Amino acid sequence: MAEQHLDTDLAWQLVLDAVNRSNVTLPLPGSQEPAIKLNGRGWQLLNDATRDARDLFELFLPLCRPVSEGAGPRVIGQLGQSLDGRIATVTGCSRFINGDDGITHLHRIRAVSDAVVVGAGTAVTDNPRLTVRRVAGRNPVRVVIDRRRRVPDSHHLFTDGQAPTLRLVAGDYHKGAGEIPVKGVLEIPCLGDADSNQPVDPRLILSVLNDFGLRKVFIEGGGVTVSGFLKAGLLDRLHVMVAPMIIGSGRPAFSLPEIDLLDDALRPRAKLVNLGTDMLFDLDFSD
């Protein structure tokens, strides 16, 4: 039998097979022929593959590795922006800055994550579903940071019944206060005083999610929420998708403290990947 070249469809099946696995050789889907060997933090391709398939492995296999017992959650963030660094217009319009391939990329990240997190502003404005629809894969647990219960109860996250939703609201946190529903909504008081003007502590969010066994956490948006995790040094990886678009004004992608010297700028390890409709910067902040 002739050697099968891996395309993106086969590569994605192998990515899903690699979730939470290490030190194992995975066969080609539907055969016994070895395709890829997972070696702890690395991997070795045993078949020829297209460039797009290799890009898929490089982007997603690091997100599939098991999280070590006792280690903190693995956190990936993402932002979709214009060439001039905007994630929305001045009125908040952001659908859709990124193109079709960029949106598919989002669904892939969701499919290999335990939880997908958005802030209340993003949930109110975009009314997202946060489910996996464009590719094969399971839905993550959906998490909305909604201290003041700003998100309408009629929004998809609370009504579509497609995946469980955790609604983090004001109040004192008590570990073991509930279990993740199969497809419903669990409200978790944990964000302190509803009238507080202090930003939510991202470490608290991760601690609560860890208590529920959610170890691979995807911070999908918006810019303020992603920036909060970045500022706290909690992102292991950040995917920034840049669309060939100039908005000219509007909401910036990042909201971080000012610096005086470029020596103080963040300079993560970076790879550039052509997604088709968008260019992706894969930024590695892990040790």
C-alpha atoms as a PDB file:
ATOM      1  CA  MET A   1       0.000   0.000   0.000  1.00  0.00           C
ATOM      2  CA  ALA A   2       1.362   3.431  -0.965  1.00  0.00           C
ATOM      3  CA  GLU A   3       2.350   5.754   1.840  1.00  0.00           C
ATOM      4  CA  GLN A   4      -0.469   8.143   2.673  1.00  0.00           C
ATOM      5  CA  HIS A   5       0.346  11.828   2.755  1.00  0.00           C
ATOM      6  CA  LEU A   6      -1.210  13.677   5.656  1.00  0.00           C
ATOM      7  CA  ASP A   7      -3.541  16.510   4.725  1.00  0.00           C
ATOM      8  CA  THR A   8      -5.302  18.864   7.136  1.00  0.00           C
ATOM      9  CA  ASP A   9      -8.308  16.564   7.584  1.00  0.00           C
ATOM     10  CA  LEU A  10      -6.151  13.605   8.639  1.00  0.00           C
ATOM     11  CA  ALA A  11      -3.911  15.884  10.691  1.00  0.00           C
ATOM     12  CA  TRP A  12      -6.889  17.223  12.618  1.00  0.00           C
ATOM     13  CA  GLN A  13      -8.079  13.696  13.424  1.00  0.00           C
ATOM     14  CA  LEU A  14      -4.612  12.956  14.793  1.00  0.00           C
ATOM     15  CA  VAL A  15      -4.669  16.168  16.851  1.00  0.00           C
ATOM     16  CA  LEU A  16      -7.935  15.066  18.458  1.00  0.00           C
ATOM     17  CA  ASP A  17      -6.437  11.614  19.112  1.00  0.00           C
ATOM     18  CA  ALA A  18      -3.495  13.336  20.839  1.00  0.00           C
ATOM     19  CA  VAL A  19      -5.588  15.209  23.419  1.00  0.00           C
ATOM     20  CA  ASN A  20      -4.307  14.375  26.931  1.00  0.00           C
ATOM     21  CA  ARG A  21      -1.857  11.761  25.616  1.00  0.00           C
ATOM     22  CA  SER A  22       1.931  11.577  25.668  1.00  0.00           C
ATOM     23  CA  ASN A  23       4.713   9.046  25.058  1.00  0.00           C
ATOM     24  CA  VAL A  24       2.618   7.171  22.534  1.00  0.00           C
ATOM     25  CA  THR A  25       2.677   6.520  18.787  1.00  0.00           C
ATOM     26  CA  LEU A  26      -0.570   7.357  17.017  1.00  0.00           C
ATOM     27  CA  PRO A  27      -1.555   5.481  13.842  1.00  0.00           C
ATOM     28  CA  LEU A  28      -3.079   6.957  10.728  1.00  0.00           C
ATOM     29  CA  PRO A  29      -6.860   7.148  11.187  1.00  0.00           C
ATOM     30  CA  GLY A  30      -8.420   3.905   9.992  1.00  0.00           C
ATOM     31  CA  SER A  31      -5.123   1.990   9.797  1.00  0.00           C
ATOM     32  CA  GLN A  32      -2.305   0.559  11.886  1.00  0.00           C
ATOM     33  CA  GLU A  33       0.405   2.535  10.102  1.00  0.00           C
ATOM     34  CA  PRO A  34       2.313   4.764  12.559  1.00  0.00           C
ATOM     35  CA  ALA A  35       1.750   8.429  11.809  1.00  0.00           C
ATOM     36  CA  ILE A  36       3.113  10.510  14.663  1.00  0.00           C
ATOM     37  CA  LYS A  37       5.085   9.844  17.835  1.00  0.00           C
ATOM     38  CA  LEU A  38       4.412  11.956  20.916  1.00  0.00           C
ATOM     39  CA  ASN A  39       7.483  12.355  23.137  1.00  0.00           C
ATOM     40  CA  GLY A  40       6.639  14.223  26.305  1.00  0.00           C
ATOM     41  CA  ARG A  41       6.917  17.865  25.259  1.00  0.00           C
ATOM     42  CA  GLY A  42       7.735  17.085  21.627  1.00  0.00           C
ATOM     43  CA  TRP A  43       6.563  15.062  18.664  1.00  0.00           C
ATOM     44  CA  GLN A  44       7.977  13.304  15.621  1.00  0.00           C
ATOM     45  CA  LEU A  45       6.142  13.024  12.317  1.00  0.00           C
ATOM     46  CA  LEU A  46       6.445   9.555  10.771  1.00  0.00           C
ATOM     47  CA  ASN A  47       4.669  10.317   7.471  1.00  0.00           C
ATOM     48  CA  ASP A  48       4.961  12.909   4.763  1.00  0.00           C
ATOM     49  CA  ALA A  49       2.575  15.787   5.340  1.00  0.00           C
ATOM     50  CA  THR A  50       1.482  18.932   3.578  1.00  0.00           C
ATOM     51  CA  ARG A  51       2.706  22.287   4.873  1.00  0.00           C
ATOM     52  CA  ASP A  52      -0.777  23.074   6.197  1.00  0.00           C
ATOM     53  CA  ALA A  53      -0.882  19.754   8.053  1.00  0.00           C
ATOM     54  CA  ARG A  54       2.510  20.456   9.637  1.00  0.00           C
ATOM     55  CA  ASP A  55       1.301  23.895  10.694  1.00  0.00           C
ATOM     56  CA  LEU A  56      -1.707  22.265  12.338  1.00  0.00           C
ATOM     57  CA  PHE A  57       0.533  19.941  14.357  1.00  0.00           C
ATOM     58  CA  GLU A  58       2.865  22.777  15.384  1.00  0.00           C
ATOM     59  CA  LEU A  59      -0.036  24.938  16.550  1.00  0.00           C
ATOM     60  CA  PHE A  60      -2.180  22.381  18.330  1.00  0.00           C
ATOM     61  CA  LEU A  61      -0.070  19.497  19.633  1.00  0.00           C
ATOM     62  CA  PRO A  62       1.431  21.748  22.357  1.00  0.00           C
ATOM     63  CA  LEU A  63      -2.140  22.477  23.468  1.00  0.00           C
ATOM     64  CA  CYS A  64      -3.024  18.769  23.630  1.00  0.00           C
ATOM     65  CA  ARG A  65      -0.366  17.636  26.090  1.00  0.00           C
ATOM     66  CA  PRO A  66      -1.667  16.483  29.475  1.00  0.00           C
ATOM     67  CA  VAL A  67      -1.372  18.991  32.292  1.00  0.00           C
ATOM     68  CA  SER A  68       0.882  17.557  34.999  1.00  0.00           C
ATOM     69  CA  GLU A  69      -0.733  16.672  38.311  1.00  0.00           C
ATOM     70  CA  GLY A  70      -0.199  19.520  40.739  1.00  0.00           C
ATOM     71  CA  ALA A  71       0.647  22.012  38.001  1.00  0.00           C
ATOM     72  CA  GLY A  72      -1.544  25.013  37.357  1.00  0.00           C
ATOM     73  CA  PRO A  73      -3.914  25.152  34.388  1.00  0.00           C
ATOM     74  CA  ARG A  74      -2.490  25.609  30.901  1.00  0.00           C
ATOM     75  CA  VAL A  75      -3.863  28.857  29.494  1.00  0.00           C
ATOM     76  CA  ILE A  76      -4.077  30.041  25.899  1.00  0.00           C
ATOM     77  CA  GLY A  77      -5.478  33.391  24.852  1.00  0.00           C
ATOM     78  CA  GLN A  78      -6.478  34.710  21.463  1.00  0.00           C
ATOM     79  CA  LEU A  79      -7.186  38.043  19.862  1.00  0.00           C
ATOM     80  CA  GLY A  80      -8.414  38.799  16.362  1.00  0.00           C
ATOM     81  CA  GLN A  81      -7.338  42.232  15.193  1.00  0.00           C
ATOM     82  CA  SER A  82      -6.914  44.523  12.213  1.00  0.00           C
ATOM     83  CA  LEU A  83      -3.551  45.579  10.803  1.00  0.00           C
ATOM     84  CA  ASP A  84      -3.689  48.672  13.002  1.00  0.00           C
ATOM     85  CA  GLY A  85      -4.302  46.686  16.187  1.00  0.00           C
ATOM     86  CA  ARG A  86      -8.058  47.182  16.581  1.00  0.00           C
ATOM     87  CA  ILE A  87     -10.470  44.490  17.750  1.00  0.00           C
ATOM     88  CA  ALA A  88     -13.645  46.539  17.223  1.00  0.00           C
ATOM     89  CA  THR A  89     -14.908  49.895  16.001  1.00  0.00           C
ATOM     90  CA  VAL A  90     -15.685  52.718  18.423  1.00  0.00           C
ATOM     91  CA  THR A  91     -19.258  51.380  18.643  1.00  0.00           C
ATOM     92  CA  GLY A  92     -18.059  47.864  19.515  1.00  0.00           C
ATOM     93  CA  CYS A  93     -18.726  46.269  16.115  1.00  0.00           C
ATOM     94  CA  SER A  94     -16.352  43.320  15.662  1.00  0.00           C
ATOM     95  CA  ARG A  95     -18.236  40.726  13.595  1.00  0.00           C
ATOM     96  CA  PHE A  96     -16.254  39.803  11.733  1.00  0.00           C
ATOM     97  CA  ILE A  97     -12.772  41.264  11.653  1.00  0.00           C
ATOM     98  CA  ASN A  98     -11.163  37.907  10.926  1.00  0.00           C
ATOM     99  CA  GLY A  99     -11.977  35.856   7.880  1.00  0.00           C
ATOM    100  CA  ASP A 100     -13.415  32.389   7.466  1.00  0.00           C
ATOM    101  CA  ASP A 101     -10.140  30.561   8.140  1.00  0.00           C
ATOM    102  CA  GLY A 102      -9.573  32.578  11.292  1.00  0.00           C
ATOM    103  CA  ILE A 103     -12.997  31.642  12.623  1.00  0.00           C
ATOM    104  CA  THR A 104     -12.314  27.968  11.909  1.00  0.00           C
ATOM    105  CA  HIS A 105      -9.068  28.328  13.865  1.00  0.00           C
ATOM    106  CA  LEU A 106     -11.079  29.526  16.885  1.00  0.00           C
ATOM    107  CA  HIS A 107     -13.260  26.436  16.719  1.00  0.00           C
ATOM    108  CA  ARG A 108     -10.150  24.243  16.670  1.00  0.00           C
ATOM    109  CA  ILE A 109      -8.822  25.848  19.860  1.00  0.00           C
ATOM    110  CA  ARG A 110     -12.190  25.308  21.546  1.00  0.00           C
ATOM    111  CA  ALA A 111     -12.121  21.638  20.534  1.00  0.00           C
ATOM    112  CA  VAL A 112      -8.867  20.928  22.419  1.00  0.00           C
ATOM    113  CA  SER A 113      -9.739  23.030  25.492  1.00  0.00           C
ATOM    114  CA  ASP A 114     -11.532  22.067  28.695  1.00  0.00           C
ATOM    115  CA  ALA A 115     -13.031  25.527  29.124  1.00  0.00           C
ATOM    116  CA  VAL A 116     -13.534  28.629  26.989  1.00  0.00           C
ATOM    117  CA  VAL A 117     -13.733  31.944  28.856  1.00  0.00           C
ATOM    118  CA  VAL A 118     -15.174  35.305  27.825  1.00  0.00           C
ATOM    119  CA  GLY A 119     -15.811  38.527  29.677  1.00  0.00           C
ATOM    120  CA  ALA A 120     -19.264  39.993  30.145  1.00  0.00           C
ATOM    121  CA  GLY A 121     -18.690  42.721  27.544  1.00  0.00           C
ATOM    122  CA  THR A 122     -17.924  40.207  24.805  1.00  0.00           C
ATOM    123  CA  ALA A 123     -20.865  38.031  25.837  1.00  0.00           C
ATOM    124  CA  VAL A 124     -23.278  40.981  25.789  1.00  0.00           C
ATOM    125  CA  THR A 125     -22.098  42.421  22.467  1.00  0.00           C
ATOM    126  CA  ASP A 126     -21.457  39.263  20.439  1.00  0.00           C
ATOM    127  CA  ASN A 127     -23.986  36.843  21.988  1.00  0.00           C
ATOM    128  CA  PRO A 128     -21.571  33.971  21.200  1.00  0.00           C
ATOM    129  CA  ARG A 129     -22.298  30.250  21.387  1.00  0.00           C
ATOM    130  CA  LEU A 130     -18.671  29.216  22.091  1.00  0.00           C
ATOM    131  CA  THR A 131     -19.324  25.727  20.737  1.00  0.00           C
ATOM    132  CA  VAL A 132     -17.395  23.617  18.213  1.00  0.00           C
ATOM    133  CA  ARG A 133     -19.284  23.639  14.926  1.00  0.00           C
ATOM    134  CA  ARG A 134     -16.805  24.076  12.075  1.00  0.00           C
ATOM    135  CA  VAL A 135     -14.577  21.078  12.847  1.00  0.00           C
ATOM    136  CA  ALA A 136     -14.846  17.732  14.596  1.00  0.00           C
ATOM    137  CA  GLY A 137     -14.371  17.845  18.352  1.00  0.00           C
ATOM    138  CA  ARG A 138     -16.186  18.150  21.652  1.00  0.00           C
ATOM    139  CA  ASN A 139     -17.593  21.339  23.103  1.00  0.00           C
ATOM    140  CA  PRO A 140     -15.676  22.888  26.007  1.00  0.00           C
ATOM    141  CA  VAL A 141     -17.327  24.102  29.189  1.00  0.00           C
ATOM    142  CA  ARG A 142     -18.354  27.708  28.561  1.00  0.00           C
ATOM    143  CA  VAL A 143     -17.410  30.280  31.195  1.00  0.00           C
ATOM    144  CA  VAL A 144     -18.607  33.873  31.375  1.00  0.00           C
ATOM    145  CA  ILE A 145     -17.114  36.385  33.821  1.00  0.00           C
ATOM    146  CA  ASP A 146     -20.295  38.236  34.754  1.00  0.00           C
ATOM    147  CA  ARG A 147     -19.776  39.864  38.155  1.00  0.00           C
ATOM    148  CA  ARG A 148     -22.835  42.156  37.867  1.00  0.00           C
ATOM    149  CA  ARG A 149     -25.042  39.778  35.843  1.00  0.00           C
ATOM    150  CA  ARG A 150     -24.884  42.044  32.808  1.00  0.00           C
ATOM    151  CA  VAL A 151     -25.377  39.264  30.271  1.00  0.00           C
ATOM    152  CA  PRO A 152     -29.085  38.816  29.418  1.00  0.00           C
ATOM    153  CA  ASP A 153     -30.569  35.489  30.482  1.00  0.00           C
ATOM    154  CA  SER A 154     -31.907  35.149  26.927  1.00  0.00           C
ATOM    155  CA  HIS A 155     -28.408  34.905  25.386  1.00  0.00           C
ATOM    156  CA  HIS A 156     -27.202  31.703  23.715  1.00  0.00           C
ATOM    157  CA  LEU A 157     -24.807  30.785  26.528  1.00  0.00           C
ATOM    158  CA  PHE A 158     -27.750  30.338  28.881  1.00  0.00           C
ATOM    159  CA  THR A 159     -30.456  29.029  26.556  1.00  0.00           C
ATOM    160  CA  ASP A 160     -29.122  26.949  23.665  1.00  0.00           C
ATOM    161  CA  GLY A 161     -28.500  23.779  25.698  1.00  0.00           C
ATOM    162  CA  GLN A 162     -25.530  22.843  23.508  1.00  0.00           C
ATOM    163  CA  ALA A 163     -22.883  22.761  26.245  1.00  0.00           C
ATOM    164  CA  PRO A 164     -22.550  23.460  29.969  1.00  0.00           C
ATOM    165  CA  THR A 165     -22.072  27.071  31.053  1.00  0.00           C
ATOM    166  CA  LEU A 166     -20.499  28.402  34.240  1.00  0.00           C
ATOM    167  CA  ARG A 167     -21.610  31.930  35.115  1.00  0.00           C
ATOM    168  CA  LEU A 168     -19.133  33.534  37.501  1.00  0.00           C
ATOM    169  CA  VAL A 169     -20.858  36.263  39.516  1.00  0.00           C
ATOM    170  CA  ALA A 170     -20.320  38.433  42.601  1.00  0.00           C
ATOM    171  CA  GLY A 171     -20.194  36.784  46.007  1.00  0.00           C
ATOM    172  CA  ASP A 172     -17.938  34.679  48.191  1.00  0.00           C
ATOM    173  CA  TYR A 173     -16.594  31.443  46.774  1.00  0.00           C
ATOM    174  CA  HIS A 174     -17.174  28.125  48.514  1.00  0.00           C
ATOM    175  CA  LYS A 175     -15.380  25.148  47.023  1.00  0.00           C
ATOM    176  CA  GLY A 176     -17.636  22.206  46.207  1.00  0.00           C
ATOM    177  CA  ALA A 177     -20.760  24.346  45.870  1.00  0.00           C
ATOM    178  CA  GLY A 178     -21.971  22.511  42.767  1.00  0.00           C
ATOM    179  CA  GLU A 179     -21.171  20.276  39.818  1.00  0.00           C
ATOM    180  CA  ILE A 180     -20.851  21.141  36.158  1.00  0.00           C
ATOM    181  CA  PRO A 181     -24.237  20.433  34.550  1.00  0.00           C
ATOM    182  CA  VAL A 182     -24.481  18.242  31.470  1.00  0.00           C
ATOM    183  CA  LYS A 183     -25.785  21.081  29.315  1.00  0.00           C
ATOM    184  CA  GLY A 184     -27.335  23.605  31.673  1.00  0.00           C
ATOM    185  CA  VAL A 185     -26.076  26.643  33.581  1.00  0.00           C
ATOM    186  CA  LEU A 186     -24.337  26.732  36.958  1.00  0.00           C
ATOM    187  CA  GLU A 187     -24.016  30.114  38.653  1.00  0.00           C
ATOM    188  CA  ILE A 188     -20.930  30.367  40.851  1.00  0.00           C
ATOM    189  CA  PRO A 189     -20.607  33.255  43.328  1.00  0.00           C
ATOM    190  CA  CYS A 190     -16.876  33.953  43.515  1.00  0.00           C
ATOM    191  CA  LEU A 191     -16.113  37.472  42.308  1.00  0.00           C
ATOM    192  CA  GLY A 192     -16.482  39.427  45.538  1.00  0.00           C
ATOM    193  CA  ASP A 193     -18.356  42.717  45.817  1.00  0.00           C
ATOM    194  CA  ALA A 194     -20.685  43.457  42.887  1.00  0.00           C
ATOM    195  CA  ASP A 195     -20.033  47.186  43.313  1.00  0.00           C
ATOM    196  CA  SER A 196     -16.254  46.888  43.254  1.00  0.00           C
ATOM    197  CA  ASN A 197     -14.412  48.848  40.571  1.00  0.00           C
ATOM    198  CA  GLN A 198     -11.349  46.626  40.881  1.00  0.00           C
ATOM    199  CA  PRO A 199     -10.729  44.262  37.966  1.00  0.00           C
ATOM    200  CA  VAL A 200     -11.408  40.589  38.521  1.00  0.00           C
ATOM    201  CA  ASP A 201      -8.283  38.686  39.595  1.00  0.00           C
ATOM    202  CA  PRO A 202      -7.460  36.216  36.787  1.00  0.00           C
ATOM    203  CA  ARG A 203      -5.776  33.916  39.320  1.00  0.00           C
ATOM    204  CA  LEU A 204      -9.113  33.539  41.077  1.00  0.00           C
ATOM    205  CA  ILE A 205     -10.768  32.542  37.795  1.00  0.00           C
ATOM    206  CA  LEU A 206      -8.171  29.831  37.183  1.00  0.00           C
ATOM    207  CA  SER A 207      -8.419  28.600  40.772  1.00  0.00           C
ATOM    208  CA  VAL A 208     -12.186  28.169  40.483  1.00  0.00           C
ATOM    209  CA  LEU A 209     -11.902  26.391  37.133  1.00  0.00           C
ATOM    210  CA  ASN A 210      -9.169  24.133  38.496  1.00  0.00           C
ATOM    211  CA  ASP A 211     -11.513  23.112  41.332  1.00  0.00           C
ATOM    212  CA  PHE A 212     -13.919  21.902  38.656  1.00  0.00           C
ATOM    213  CA  GLY A 213     -11.209  19.885  36.904  1.00  0.00           C
ATOM    214  CA  LEU A 214     -10.853  22.343  34.012  1.00  0.00           C
ATOM    215  CA  ARG A 215      -7.106  22.346  33.344  1.00  0.00           C
ATOM    216  CA  LYS A 216      -6.841  23.553  29.735  1.00  0.00           C
ATOM    217  CA  VAL A 217      -8.319  27.015  29.619  1.00  0.00           C
ATOM    218  CA  PHE A 218      -8.934  29.099  26.504  1.00  0.00           C
ATOM    219  CA  ILE A 219      -9.370  32.849  27.077  1.00  0.00           C
ATOM    220  CA  GLU A 220     -11.262  33.791  23.920  1.00  0.00           C
ATOM    221  CA  GLY A 221     -12.004  37.426  24.683  1.00  0.00           C
ATOM    222  CA  GLY A 222     -12.374  40.223  24.784  1.00  0.00           C
ATOM    223  CA  GLY A 223      -9.314  42.413  24.758  1.00  0.00           C
ATOM    224  CA  VAL A 224      -9.609  43.563  28.373  1.00  0.00           C
ATOM    225  CA  THR A 225     -10.011  39.993  29.628  1.00  0.00           C
ATOM    226  CA  VAL A 226      -7.097  38.629  27.579  1.00  0.00           C
ATOM    227  CA  SER A 227      -4.947  41.596  28.625  1.00  0.00           C
ATOM    228  CA  GLY A 228      -5.709  40.891  32.283  1.00  0.00           C
ATOM    229  CA  PHE A 229      -4.386  37.343  31.998  1.00  0.00           C
ATOM    230  CA  LEU A 230      -1.360  38.548  30.018  1.00  0.00           C
ATOM    231  CA  LYS A 231      -0.570  41.281  32.558  1.00  0.00           C
ATOM    232  CA  ALA A 232      -0.745  38.705  35.373  1.00  0.00           C
ATOM    233  CA  GLY A 233       1.746  36.460  33.549  1.00  0.00           C
ATOM    234  CA  LEU A 234      -0.784  33.635  33.294  1.00  0.00           C
ATOM    235  CA  LEU A 235      -0.819  33.010  29.538  1.00  0.00           C
ATOM    236  CA  ASP A 236       1.249  30.087  28.319  1.00  0.00           C
ATOM    237  CA  ARG A 237       0.406  30.876  24.724  1.00  0.00           C
ATOM    238  CA  LEU A 238      -1.309  33.652  22.809  1.00  0.00           C
ATOM    239  CA  HIS A 239      -2.667  33.418  19.278  1.00  0.00           C
ATOM    240  CA  VAL A 240      -3.033  36.806  17.601  1.00  0.00           C
ATOM    241  CA  MET A 241      -4.843  36.655  14.263  1.00  0.00           C
ATOM    242  CA  VAL A 242      -4.254  39.686  12.053  1.00  0.00           C
ATOM    243  CA  ALA A 243      -6.741  40.455   9.297  1.00  0.00           C
ATOM    244  CA  PRO A 244      -5.838  42.482   6.173  1.00  0.00           C
ATOM    245  CA  MET A 245      -8.016  45.368   7.316  1.00  0.00           C
ATOM    246  CA  ILE A 246      -7.385  48.907   8.556  1.00  0.00           C
ATOM    247  CA  ILE A 247     -10.103  50.238  10.872  1.00  0.00           C
ATOM    248  CA  GLY A 248      -8.388  53.525  11.705  1.00  0.00           C
ATOM    249  CA  SER A 249      -9.886  53.970  15.165  1.00  0.00           C
ATOM    250  CA  GLY A 250     -11.701  51.901  17.739  1.00  0.00           C
ATOM    251  CA  ARG A 251     -10.946  49.522  20.556  1.00  0.00           C
ATOM    252  CA  PRO A 252      -7.310  48.409  20.887  1.00  0.00           C
ATOM    253  CA  ALA A 253      -6.364  44.757  21.143  1.00  0.00           C
ATOM    254  CA  PHE A 254      -4.284  45.182  24.308  1.00  0.00           C
ATOM    255  CA  SER A 255      -4.811  47.187  27.487  1.00  0.00           C
ATOM    256  CA  LEU A 256      -1.521  46.950  29.374  1.00  0.00           C
ATOM    257  CA  PRO A 257       0.482  49.264  31.648  1.00  0.00           C
ATOM    258  CA  GLU A 258       2.508  51.946  29.885  1.00  0.00           C
ATOM    259  CA  ILE A 259       6.254  51.456  29.490  1.00  0.00           C
ATOM    260  CA  ASP A 260       8.993  54.023  28.854  1.00  0.00           C
ATOM    261  CA  LEU A 261      11.640  51.798  27.300  1.00  0.00           C
ATOM    262  CA  LEU A 262      11.410  49.176  24.579  1.00  0.00           C
ATOM    263  CA  ASP A 263      13.661  47.017  26.753  1.00  0.00           C
ATOM    264  CA  ASP A 264      10.573  46.549  28.949  1.00  0.00           C
ATOM    265  CA  ALA A 265       8.364  45.325  26.088  1.00  0.00           C
ATOM    266  CA  LEU A 266       7.150  41.735  26.059  1.00  0.00           C
ATOM    267  CA  ARG A 267       9.091  39.677  23.520  1.00  0.00           C
ATOM    268  CA  PRO A 268       7.728  36.116  23.477  1.00  0.00           C
ATOM    269  CA  ARG A 269       8.970  33.385  21.196  1.00  0.00           C
ATOM    270  CA  ALA A 270       6.924  33.692  18.019  1.00  0.00           C
ATOM    271  CA  LYS A 271       5.958  31.765  14.901  1.00  0.00           C
ATOM    272  CA  LEU A 272       4.066  33.204  11.955  1.00  0.00           C
ATOM    273  CA  VAL A 273       1.499  30.984  10.237  1.00  0.00           C
ATOM    274  CA  ASN A 274      -0.535  31.764   7.129  1.00  0.00           C
ATOM    275  CA  LEU A 275      -4.127  30.736   7.879  1.00  0.00           C
ATOM    276  CA  GLY A 276      -5.362  31.845   4.459  1.00  0.00           C
ATOM    277  CA  THR A 277      -7.704  34.711   5.254  1.00  0.00           C
ATOM    278  CA  ASP A 278      -5.560  35.848   8.198  1.00  0.00           C
ATOM    279  CA  MET A 279      -1.984  35.763   9.450  1.00  0.00           C
ATOM    280  CA  LEU A 280      -1.480  34.128  12.835  1.00  0.00           C
ATOM    281  CA  PHE A 281       1.197  35.010  15.362  1.00  0.00           C
ATOM    282  CA  ASP A 282       1.677  32.016  17.679  1.00  0.00           C
ATOM    283  CA  LEU A 283       3.269  33.547  20.782  1.00  0.00           C
ATOM    284  CA  ASP A 284       4.871  31.279  23.376  1.00  0.00           C
ATOM    285  CA  PHE A 285       5.096  32.700  26.916  1.00  0.00           C
ATOM    286  CA  SER A 286       5.755  29.357  28.634  1.00  0.00           C
ATOM    287  CA  ASP A 287       9.001  28.695  30.484  1.00  0.00           C
END
